[in-house]
Amino acid sequence: MTVDQQGRTALHYCATNHQTQVVDLLLEHWLQTGQEAGGLLERRDCDGLTALALAVIAGNHDIVKHLLMMGADVSCHDNQQHTVMHFATGYTSHFAVFLL
């Protein structure tokens, strides 16, 4: 898995940039290589943020739904102990709270 200097993967960037189709391709490729989705879904960047957390912060509800369907962990927290629910209530609409 390739990561940048911030510890982010392509999935992290897709989650923040509303790239739903690319998320599908990345997860499909990951699974085809015999790896579990959780390894990619739960990858944290240098701030402890997962792709789900970044999608919630970006207000990208389609990717939030998709990552949840793939099994993303809603109880994970970042380096400052914030959960995705904290981000949903602080950054986005009530729809993200409903999804979580």
PDB file of N, CA and C in Angstrom:
ATOM      1  N   MET A   1       0.847  -1.162   0.000  1.00  0.00           N
ATOM      2  CA  MET A   1       0.000   0.000   0.000  1.00  0.00           C
ATOM      3  C   MET A   1       0.900   1.235   0.000  1.00  0.00           C
ATOM      4  N   THR A   2       0.664   2.115  -0.927  1.00  0.00           N
ATOM      5  CA  THR A   2       1.456   3.327  -1.046  1.00  0.00           C
ATOM      6  C   THR A   2       0.821   4.440  -0.230  1.00  0.00           C
ATOM      7  N   VAL A   3       1.648   5.126   0.546  1.00  0.00           N
ATOM      8  CA  VAL A   3       1.180   6.260   1.340  1.00  0.00           C
ATOM      9  C   VAL A   3       2.071   7.460   1.075  1.00  0.00           C
ATOM     10  N   ASP A   4       1.520   8.653   1.272  1.00  0.00           N
ATOM     11  CA  ASP A   4       2.308   9.866   1.082  1.00  0.00           C
ATOM     12  C   ASP A   4       2.933  10.298   2.409  1.00  0.00           C
ATOM     13  N   GLN A   5       3.497  11.488   2.446  1.00  0.00           N
ATOM     14  CA  GLN A   5       4.173  11.980   3.648  1.00  0.00           C
ATOM     15  C   GLN A   5       3.218  12.210   4.811  1.00  0.00           C
ATOM     16  N   GLN A   6       1.933  12.358   4.509  1.00  0.00           N
ATOM     17  CA  GLN A   6       0.920  12.531   5.555  1.00  0.00           C
ATOM     18  C   GLN A   6       0.325  11.195   5.987  1.00  0.00           C
ATOM     19  N   GLY A   7       0.835  10.108   5.399  1.00  0.00           N
ATOM     20  CA  GLY A   7       0.330   8.793   5.736  1.00  0.00           C
ATOM     21  C   GLY A   7      -0.976   8.448   5.051  1.00  0.00           C
ATOM     22  N   ARG A   8      -1.339   9.202   4.032  1.00  0.00           N
ATOM     23  CA  ARG A   8      -2.614   8.993   3.336  1.00  0.00           C
ATOM     24  C   ARG A   8      -2.451   8.112   2.108  1.00  0.00           C
ATOM     25  N   THR A   9      -3.463   7.285   1.894  1.00  0.00           N
ATOM     26  CA  THR A   9      -3.532   6.433   0.720  1.00  0.00           C
ATOM     27  C   THR A   9      -4.415   7.100  -0.329  1.00  0.00           C
ATOM     28  N   ALA A  10      -4.518   6.475  -1.479  1.00  0.00           N
ATOM     29  CA  ALA A  10      -5.425   6.976  -2.518  1.00  0.00           C
ATOM     30  C   ALA A  10      -6.855   6.998  -2.006  1.00  0.00           C
ATOM     31  N   LEU A  11      -7.230   6.032  -1.171  1.00  0.00           N
ATOM     32  CA  LEU A  11      -8.589   6.000  -0.619  1.00  0.00           C
ATOM     33  C   LEU A  11      -8.866   7.229   0.233  1.00  0.00           C
ATOM     34  N   HIS A  12      -7.898   7.671   1.001  1.00  0.00           N
ATOM     35  CA  HIS A  12      -8.079   8.890   1.790  1.00  0.00           C
ATOM     36  C   HIS A  12      -8.419  10.078   0.878  1.00  0.00           C
ATOM     37  N   TYR A  13      -7.675  10.213  -0.204  1.00  0.00           N
ATOM     38  CA  TYR A  13      -7.899  11.343  -1.106  1.00  0.00           C
ATOM     39  C   TYR A  13      -9.219  11.230  -1.858  1.00  0.00           C
ATOM     40  N   CYS A  14      -9.587  10.035  -2.238  1.00  0.00           N
ATOM     41  CA  CYS A  14     -10.883   9.841  -2.909  1.00  0.00           C
ATOM     42  C   CYS A  14     -12.031  10.209  -1.981  1.00  0.00           C
ATOM     43  N   ALA A  15     -11.894   9.874  -0.711  1.00  0.00           N
ATOM     44  CA  ALA A  15     -12.949  10.171   0.264  1.00  0.00           C
ATOM     45  C   ALA A  15     -13.154  11.669   0.439  1.00  0.00           C
ATOM     46  N   THR A  16     -12.079  12.432   0.336  1.00  0.00           N
ATOM     47  CA  THR A  16     -12.208  13.880   0.501  1.00  0.00           C
ATOM     48  C   THR A  16     -12.589  14.593  -0.789  1.00  0.00           C
ATOM     49  N   ASN A  17     -12.377  13.950  -1.924  1.00  0.00           N
ATOM     50  CA  ASN A  17     -12.616  14.597  -3.211  1.00  0.00           C
ATOM     51  C   ASN A  17     -13.811  14.045  -3.978  1.00  0.00           C
ATOM     52  N   HIS A  18     -14.693  13.345  -3.282  1.00  0.00           N
ATOM     53  CA  HIS A  18     -15.948  12.858  -3.868  1.00  0.00           C
ATOM     54  C   HIS A  18     -15.736  11.970  -5.093  1.00  0.00           C
ATOM     55  N   GLN A  19     -14.755  11.096  -5.028  1.00  0.00           N
ATOM     56  CA  GLN A  19     -14.422  10.198  -6.141  1.00  0.00           C
ATOM     57  C   GLN A  19     -15.019   8.802  -5.890  1.00  0.00           C
ATOM     58  N   THR A  20     -16.337   8.706  -5.930  1.00  0.00           N
ATOM     59  CA  THR A  20     -17.036   7.469  -5.588  1.00  0.00           C
ATOM     60  C   THR A  20     -16.622   6.310  -6.483  1.00  0.00           C
ATOM     61  N   GLN A  21     -16.526   6.529  -7.769  1.00  0.00           N
ATOM     62  CA  GLN A  21     -16.170   5.446  -8.689  1.00  0.00           C
ATOM     63  C   GLN A  21     -14.751   4.941  -8.438  1.00  0.00           C
ATOM     64  N   VAL A  22     -13.855   5.841  -8.097  1.00  0.00           N
ATOM     65  CA  VAL A  22     -12.479   5.429  -7.827  1.00  0.00           C
ATOM     66  C   VAL A  22     -12.421   4.648  -6.512  1.00  0.00           C
ATOM     67  N   VAL A  23     -13.235   5.042  -5.525  1.00  0.00           N
ATOM     68  CA  VAL A  23     -13.319   4.275  -4.275  1.00  0.00           C
ATOM     69  C   VAL A  23     -13.719   2.844  -4.584  1.00  0.00           C
ATOM     70  N   ASP A  24     -14.732   2.686  -5.439  1.00  0.00           N
ATOM     71  CA  ASP A  24     -15.172   1.343  -5.835  1.00  0.00           C
ATOM     72  C   ASP A  24     -14.026   0.552  -6.461  1.00  0.00           C
ATOM     73  N   LEU A  25     -13.292   1.182  -7.368  1.00  0.00           N
ATOM     74  CA  LEU A  25     -12.184   0.504  -8.034  1.00  0.00           C
ATOM     75  C   LEU A  25     -11.071   0.124  -7.060  1.00  0.00           C
ATOM     76  N   LEU A  26     -10.742   1.024  -6.164  1.00  0.00           N
ATOM     77  CA  LEU A  26      -9.692   0.742  -5.181  1.00  0.00           C
ATOM     78  C   LEU A  26     -10.067  -0.428  -4.278  1.00  0.00           C
ATOM     79  N   LEU A  27     -11.300  -0.416  -3.779  1.00  0.00           N
ATOM     80  CA  LEU A  27     -11.739  -1.493  -2.891  1.00  0.00           C
ATOM     81  C   LEU A  27     -11.844  -2.817  -3.642  1.00  0.00           C
ATOM     82  N   GLU A  28     -12.328  -2.765  -4.874  1.00  0.00           N
ATOM     83  CA  GLU A  28     -12.426  -3.984  -5.682  1.00  0.00           C
ATOM     84  C   GLU A  28     -11.038  -4.577  -5.929  1.00  0.00           C
ATOM     85  N   HIS A  29     -10.094  -3.721  -6.292  1.00  0.00           N
ATOM     86  CA  HIS A  29      -8.723  -4.190  -6.528  1.00  0.00           C
ATOM     87  C   HIS A  29      -8.122  -4.766  -5.242  1.00  0.00           C
ATOM     88  N   TRP A  30      -8.334  -4.088  -4.140  1.00  0.00           N
ATOM     89  CA  TRP A  30      -7.807  -4.529  -2.853  1.00  0.00           C
ATOM     90  C   TRP A  30      -8.328  -5.924  -2.518  1.00  0.00           C
ATOM     91  N   LEU A  31      -9.631  -6.129  -2.721  1.00  0.00           N
ATOM     92  CA  LEU A  31     -10.232  -7.429  -2.417  1.00  0.00           C
ATOM     93  C   LEU A  31      -9.758  -8.508  -3.390  1.00  0.00           C
ATOM     94  N   GLN A  32      -9.547  -8.147  -4.645  1.00  0.00           N
ATOM     95  CA  GLN A  32      -9.091  -9.119  -5.642  1.00  0.00           C
ATOM     96  C   GLN A  32      -7.679  -9.610  -5.365  1.00  0.00           C
ATOM     97  N   THR A  33      -6.913  -8.830  -4.633  1.00  0.00           N
ATOM     98  CA  THR A  33      -5.555  -9.257  -4.298  1.00  0.00           C
ATOM     99  C   THR A  33      -5.544 -10.153  -3.064  1.00  0.00           C
ATOM    100  N   GLY A  34      -6.743 -10.503  -2.581  1.00  0.00           N
ATOM    101  CA  GLY A  34      -6.858 -11.423  -1.457  1.00  0.00           C
ATOM    102  C   GLY A  34      -6.712 -10.773  -0.095  1.00  0.00           C
ATOM    103  N   GLN A  35      -6.784  -9.476  -0.047  1.00  0.00           N
ATOM    104  CA  GLN A  35      -6.656  -8.775   1.219  1.00  0.00           C
ATOM    105  C   GLN A  35      -8.037  -8.408   1.746  1.00  0.00           C
ATOM    106  N   GLU A  36      -8.165  -8.306   3.044  1.00  0.00           N
ATOM    107  CA  GLU A  36      -9.435  -7.927   3.648  1.00  0.00           C
ATOM    108  C   GLU A  36      -9.649  -6.425   3.512  1.00  0.00           C
ATOM    109  N   ALA A  37     -10.900  -6.039   3.302  1.00  0.00           N
ATOM    110  CA  ALA A  37     -11.223  -4.623   3.130  1.00  0.00           C
ATOM    111  C   ALA A  37     -10.807  -3.795   4.335  1.00  0.00           C
ATOM    112  N   GLY A  38     -10.884  -4.381   5.526  1.00  0.00           N
ATOM    113  CA  GLY A  38     -10.557  -3.640   6.738  1.00  0.00           C
ATOM    114  C   GLY A  38      -9.155  -3.062   6.744  1.00  0.00           C
ATOM    115  N   GLY A  39      -8.214  -3.740   6.120  1.00  0.00           N
ATOM    116  CA  GLY A  39      -6.851  -3.232   6.078  1.00  0.00           C
ATOM    117  C   GLY A  39      -6.746  -1.892   5.390  1.00  0.00           C
ATOM    118  N   LEU A  40      -7.516  -1.707   4.352  1.00  0.00           N
ATOM    119  CA  LEU A  40      -7.528  -0.437   3.632  1.00  0.00           C
ATOM    120  C   LEU A  40      -8.472   0.554   4.296  1.00  0.00           C
ATOM    121  N   LEU A  41      -9.636   0.067   4.713  1.00  0.00           N
ATOM    122  CA  LEU A  41     -10.631   0.951   5.316  1.00  0.00           C
ATOM    123  C   LEU A  41     -10.139   1.574   6.619  1.00  0.00           C
ATOM    124  N   GLU A  42      -9.380   0.826   7.382  1.00  0.00           N
ATOM    125  CA  GLU A  42      -8.965   1.298   8.706  1.00  0.00           C
ATOM    126  C   GLU A  42      -7.584   1.942   8.727  1.00  0.00           C
ATOM    127  N   ARG A  43      -6.977   2.079   7.578  1.00  0.00           N
ATOM    128  CA  ARG A  43      -5.670   2.734   7.488  1.00  0.00           C
ATOM    129  C   ARG A  43      -5.801   4.177   7.960  1.00  0.00           C
ATOM    130  N   ARG A  44      -4.969   4.567   8.913  1.00  0.00           N
ATOM    131  CA  ARG A  44      -5.012   5.921   9.461  1.00  0.00           C
ATOM    132  C   ARG A  44      -3.860   6.754   8.904  1.00  0.00           C
ATOM    133  N   ASP A  45      -4.139   8.038   8.708  1.00  0.00           N
ATOM    134  CA  ASP A  45      -3.071   8.942   8.282  1.00  0.00           C
ATOM    135  C   ASP A  45      -2.297   9.413   9.518  1.00  0.00           C
ATOM    136  N   CYS A  46      -1.398  10.359   9.349  1.00  0.00           N
ATOM    137  CA  CYS A  46      -0.564  10.830  10.458  1.00  0.00           C
ATOM    138  C   CYS A  46      -1.370  11.494  11.578  1.00  0.00           C
ATOM    139  N   ASP A  47      -2.575  11.947  11.267  1.00  0.00           N
ATOM    140  CA  ASP A  47      -3.458  12.546  12.273  1.00  0.00           C
ATOM    141  C   ASP A  47      -4.406  11.519  12.879  1.00  0.00           C
ATOM    142  N   GLY A  48      -4.302  10.277  12.414  1.00  0.00           N
ATOM    143  CA  GLY A  48      -5.169   9.226  12.917  1.00  0.00           C
ATOM    144  C   GLY A  48      -6.516   9.154  12.220  1.00  0.00           C
ATOM    145  N   LEU A  49      -6.647   9.828  11.082  1.00  0.00           N
ATOM    146  CA  LEU A  49      -7.923   9.865  10.361  1.00  0.00           C
ATOM    147  C   LEU A  49      -8.011   8.735   9.341  1.00  0.00           C
ATOM    148  N   THR A  50      -9.155   8.082   9.307  1.00  0.00           N
ATOM    149  CA  THR A  50      -9.433   7.058   8.307  1.00  0.00           C
ATOM    150  C   THR A  50     -10.143   7.704   7.122  1.00  0.00           C
ATOM    151  N   ALA A  51     -10.323   6.942   6.065  1.00  0.00           N
ATOM    152  CA  ALA A  51     -11.068   7.447   4.903  1.00  0.00           C
ATOM    153  C   ALA A  51     -12.492   7.796   5.311  1.00  0.00           C
ATOM    154  N   LEU A  52     -13.091   7.005   6.210  1.00  0.00           N
ATOM    155  CA  LEU A  52     -14.452   7.313   6.671  1.00  0.00           C
ATOM    156  C   LEU A  52     -14.483   8.666   7.367  1.00  0.00           C
ATOM    157  N   ALA A  53     -13.550   8.929   8.246  1.00  0.00           N
ATOM    158  CA  ALA A  53     -13.514  10.217   8.938  1.00  0.00           C
ATOM    159  C   ALA A  53     -13.363  11.364   7.950  1.00  0.00           C
ATOM    160  N   LEU A  54     -12.491  11.199   6.970  1.00  0.00           N
ATOM    161  CA  LEU A  54     -12.294  12.260   5.978  1.00  0.00           C
ATOM    162  C   LEU A  54     -13.534  12.466   5.109  1.00  0.00           C
ATOM    163  N   ALA A  55     -14.228  11.381   4.768  1.00  0.00           N
ATOM    164  CA  ALA A  55     -15.465  11.510   3.992  1.00  0.00           C
ATOM    165  C   ALA A  55     -16.537  12.235   4.797  1.00  0.00           C
ATOM    166  N   VAL A  56     -16.620  11.940   6.083  1.00  0.00           N
ATOM    167  CA  VAL A  56     -17.584  12.634   6.950  1.00  0.00           C
ATOM    168  C   VAL A  56     -17.247  14.116   7.025  1.00  0.00           C
ATOM    169  N   ILE A  57     -15.980  14.431   7.248  1.00  0.00           N
ATOM    170  CA  ILE A  57     -15.555  15.835   7.328  1.00  0.00           C
ATOM    171  C   ILE A  57     -15.854  16.572   6.026  1.00  0.00           C
ATOM    172  N   ALA A  58     -15.641  15.891   4.886  1.00  0.00           N
ATOM    173  CA  ALA A  58     -15.881  16.512   3.577  1.00  0.00           C
ATOM    174  C   ALA A  58     -17.370  16.585   3.226  1.00  0.00           C
ATOM    175  N   GLY A  59     -18.219  15.927   4.020  1.00  0.00           N
ATOM    176  CA  GLY A  59     -19.651  15.930   3.726  1.00  0.00           C
ATOM    177  C   GLY A  59     -20.006  15.058   2.540  1.00  0.00           C
ATOM    178  N   ASN A  60     -19.186  14.048   2.284  1.00  0.00           N
ATOM    179  CA  ASN A  60     -19.397  13.172   1.139  1.00  0.00           C
ATOM    180  C   ASN A  60     -20.240  11.975   1.554  1.00  0.00           C
ATOM    181  N   HIS A  61     -21.556  12.179   1.562  1.00  0.00           N
ATOM    182  CA  HIS A  61     -22.486  11.173   2.074  1.00  0.00           C
ATOM    183  C   HIS A  61     -22.488   9.881   1.262  1.00  0.00           C
ATOM    184  N   ASP A  62     -22.306   9.973  -0.042  1.00  0.00           N
ATOM    185  CA  ASP A  62     -22.288   8.755  -0.858  1.00  0.00           C
ATOM    186  C   ASP A  62     -21.117   7.857  -0.472  1.00  0.00           C
ATOM    187  N   ILE A  63     -19.965   8.442  -0.271  1.00  0.00           N
ATOM    188  CA  ILE A  63     -18.803   7.637   0.106  1.00  0.00           C
ATOM    189  C   ILE A  63     -18.930   7.173   1.554  1.00  0.00           C
ATOM    190  N   VAL A  64     -19.506   7.995   2.428  1.00  0.00           N
ATOM    191  CA  VAL A  64     -19.752   7.555   3.804  1.00  0.00           C
ATOM    192  C   VAL A  64     -20.612   6.297   3.790  1.00  0.00           C
ATOM    193  N   LYS A  65     -21.712   6.328   3.037  1.00  0.00           N
ATOM    194  CA  LYS A  65     -22.595   5.153   2.945  1.00  0.00           C
ATOM    195  C   LYS A  65     -21.844   3.945   2.420  1.00  0.00           C
ATOM    196  N   HIS A  66     -21.063   4.158   1.390  1.00  0.00           N
ATOM    197  CA  HIS A  66     -20.333   3.054   0.762  1.00  0.00           C
ATOM    198  C   HIS A  66     -19.299   2.455   1.719  1.00  0.00           C
ATOM    199  N   LEU A  67     -18.549   3.282   2.384  1.00  0.00           N
ATOM    200  CA  LEU A  67     -17.541   2.787   3.317  1.00  0.00           C
ATOM    201  C   LEU A  67     -18.185   2.044   4.485  1.00  0.00           C
ATOM    202  N   LEU A  68     -19.327   2.532   4.936  1.00  0.00           N
ATOM    203  CA  LEU A  68     -20.044   1.835   6.002  1.00  0.00           C
ATOM    204  C   LEU A  68     -20.529   0.466   5.532  1.00  0.00           C
ATOM    205  N   MET A  69     -21.041   0.400   4.303  1.00  0.00           N
ATOM    206  CA  MET A  69     -21.495  -0.886   3.755  1.00  0.00           C
ATOM    207  C   MET A  69     -20.331  -1.865   3.618  1.00  0.00           C
ATOM    208  N   MET A  70     -19.130  -1.354   3.379  1.00  0.00           N
ATOM    209  CA  MET A  70     -17.955  -2.210   3.245  1.00  0.00           C
ATOM    210  C   MET A  70     -17.378  -2.609   4.602  1.00  0.00           C
ATOM    211  N   GLY A  71     -17.917  -2.041   5.680  1.00  0.00           N
ATOM    212  CA  GLY A  71     -17.489  -2.443   7.011  1.00  0.00           C
ATOM    213  C   GLY A  71     -16.560  -1.487   7.731  1.00  0.00           C
ATOM    214  N   ALA A  72     -16.513  -0.232   7.304  1.00  0.00           N
ATOM    215  CA  ALA A  72     -15.658   0.746   7.988  1.00  0.00           C
ATOM    216  C   ALA A  72     -16.073   0.866   9.455  1.00  0.00           C
ATOM    217  N   ASP A  73     -15.100   1.030  10.307  1.00  0.00           N
ATOM    218  CA  ASP A  73     -15.314   1.081  11.759  1.00  0.00           C
ATOM    219  C   ASP A  73     -15.757   2.475  12.186  1.00  0.00           C
ATOM    220  N   VAL A  74     -16.984   2.573  12.722  1.00  0.00           N
ATOM    221  CA  VAL A  74     -17.497   3.871  13.168  1.00  0.00           C
ATOM    222  C   VAL A  74     -16.983   4.243  14.557  1.00  0.00           C
ATOM    223  N   SER A  75     -16.379   3.293  15.253  1.00  0.00           N
ATOM    224  CA  SER A  75     -15.909   3.585  16.605  1.00  0.00           C
ATOM    225  C   SER A  75     -14.445   4.013  16.644  1.00  0.00           C
ATOM    226  N   CYS A  76     -13.795   4.056  15.490  1.00  0.00           N
ATOM    227  CA  CYS A  76     -12.382   4.446  15.483  1.00  0.00           C
ATOM    228  C   CYS A  76     -12.257   5.918  15.865  1.00  0.00           C
ATOM    229  N   HIS A  77     -11.096   6.284  16.340  1.00  0.00           N
ATOM    230  CA  HIS A  77     -10.858   7.663  16.748  1.00  0.00           C
ATOM    231  C   HIS A  77      -9.508   8.141  16.223  1.00  0.00           C
ATOM    232  N   ASP A  78      -9.379   9.459  16.123  1.00  0.00           N
ATOM    233  CA  ASP A  78      -8.131  10.026  15.619  1.00  0.00           C
ATOM    234  C   ASP A  78      -7.136  10.208  16.767  1.00  0.00           C
ATOM    235  N   ASN A  79      -6.034  10.865  16.498  1.00  0.00           N
ATOM    236  CA  ASN A  79      -4.985  11.046  17.500  1.00  0.00           C
ATOM    237  C   ASN A  79      -5.417  11.910  18.682  1.00  0.00           C
ATOM    238  N   GLN A  80      -6.512  12.668  18.497  1.00  0.00           N
ATOM    239  CA  GLN A  80      -7.021  13.515  19.575  1.00  0.00           C
ATOM    240  C   GLN A  80      -8.292  12.925  20.197  1.00  0.00           C
ATOM    241  N   GLN A  81      -8.523  11.649  19.916  1.00  0.00           N
ATOM    242  CA  GLN A  81      -9.649  10.895  20.465  1.00  0.00           C
ATOM    243  C   GLN A  81     -11.020  11.314  19.927  1.00  0.00           C
ATOM    244  N   HIS A  82     -11.062  11.982  18.777  1.00  0.00           N
ATOM    245  CA  HIS A  82     -12.329  12.308  18.132  1.00  0.00           C
ATOM    246  C   HIS A  82     -12.809  11.095  17.339  1.00  0.00           C
ATOM    247  N   THR A  83     -14.091  10.808  17.413  1.00  0.00           N
ATOM    248  CA  THR A  83     -14.676   9.734  16.612  1.00  0.00           C
ATOM    249  C   THR A  83     -15.330  10.342  15.376  1.00  0.00           C
ATOM    250  N   VAL A  84     -15.768   9.479  14.466  1.00  0.00           N
ATOM    251  CA  VAL A  84     -16.446   9.995  13.274  1.00  0.00           C
ATOM    252  C   VAL A  84     -17.749  10.685  13.651  1.00  0.00           C
ATOM    253  N   MET A  85     -18.381  10.285  14.744  1.00  0.00           N
ATOM    254  CA  MET A  85     -19.604  10.963  15.187  1.00  0.00           C
ATOM    255  C   MET A  85     -19.303  12.402  15.601  1.00  0.00           C
ATOM    256  N   HIS A  86     -18.152  12.629  16.227  1.00  0.00           N
ATOM    257  CA  HIS A  86     -17.752  14.005  16.547  1.00  0.00           C
ATOM    258  C   HIS A  86     -17.670  14.842  15.271  1.00  0.00           C
ATOM    259  N   PHE A  87     -17.031  14.263  14.247  1.00  0.00           N
ATOM    260  CA  PHE A  87     -16.894  15.002  12.990  1.00  0.00           C
ATOM    261  C   PHE A  87     -18.239  15.208  12.309  1.00  0.00           C
ATOM    262  N   ALA A  88     -19.103  14.207  12.376  1.00  0.00           N
ATOM    263  CA  ALA A  88     -20.418  14.319  11.739  1.00  0.00           C
ATOM    264  C   ALA A  88     -21.237  15.442  12.368  1.00  0.00           C
ATOM    265  N   THR A  89     -21.178  15.576  13.671  1.00  0.00           N
ATOM    266  CA  THR A  89     -21.963  16.621  14.331  1.00  0.00           C
ATOM    267  C   THR A  89     -21.312  17.989  14.200  1.00  0.00           C
ATOM    268  N   GLY A  90     -20.004  18.011  14.000  1.00  0.00           N
ATOM    269  CA  GLY A  90     -19.316  19.289  13.930  1.00  0.00           C
ATOM    270  C   GLY A  90     -19.108  19.847  12.543  1.00  0.00           C
ATOM    271  N   TYR A  91     -19.075  18.982  11.526  1.00  0.00           N
ATOM    272  CA  TYR A  91     -18.710  19.440  10.188  1.00  0.00           C
ATOM    273  C   TYR A  91     -19.790  19.293   9.131  1.00  0.00           C
ATOM    274  N   THR A  92     -20.694  18.363   9.299  1.00  0.00           N
ATOM    275  CA  THR A  92     -21.595  18.055   8.194  1.00  0.00           C
ATOM    276  C   THR A  92     -23.047  18.128   8.620  1.00  0.00           C
ATOM    277  N   SER A  93     -23.908  17.684   7.742  1.00  0.00           N
ATOM    278  CA  SER A  93     -25.333  17.728   7.981  1.00  0.00           C
ATOM    279  C   SER A  93     -25.787  16.628   8.915  1.00  0.00           C
ATOM    280  N   HIS A  94     -27.031  16.685   9.292  1.00  0.00           N
ATOM    281  CA  HIS A  94     -27.629  15.658  10.144  1.00  0.00           C
ATOM    282  C   HIS A  94     -27.718  14.323   9.431  1.00  0.00           C
ATOM    283  N   PHE A  95     -27.643  14.351   8.107  1.00  0.00           N
ATOM    284  CA  PHE A  95     -27.722  13.105   7.345  1.00  0.00           C
ATOM    285  C   PHE A  95     -26.554  12.177   7.688  1.00  0.00           C
ATOM    286  N   ALA A  96     -25.372  12.727   7.854  1.00  0.00           N
ATOM    287  CA  ALA A  96     -24.210  11.906   8.215  1.00  0.00           C
ATOM    288  C   ALA A  96     -24.405  11.305   9.597  1.00  0.00           C
ATOM    289  N   VAL A  97     -24.986  12.062  10.523  1.00  0.00           N
ATOM    290  CA  VAL A  97     -25.272  11.521  11.860  1.00  0.00           C
ATOM    291  C   VAL A  97     -26.256  10.374  11.730  1.00  0.00           C
ATOM    292  N   PHE A  98     -27.264  10.535  10.900  1.00  0.00           N
ATOM    293  CA  PHE A  98     -28.254   9.483  10.672  1.00  0.00           C
ATOM    294  C   PHE A  98     -27.584   8.223  10.117  1.00  0.00           C
ATOM    295  N   LEU A  99     -26.659   8.385   9.189  1.00  0.00           N
ATOM    296  CA  LEU A  99     -25.978   7.231   8.595  1.00  0.00           C
ATOM    297  C   LEU A  99     -25.156   6.458   9.618  1.00  0.00           C
ATOM    298  N   LEU A 100     -24.549   7.198  10.523  1.00  0.00           N
ATOM    299  CA  LEU A 100     -23.684   6.564  11.515  1.00  0.00           C
ATOM    300  C   LEU A 100     -24.512   5.931  12.606  1.00  0.00           C
TER     301      LEU A 100
END
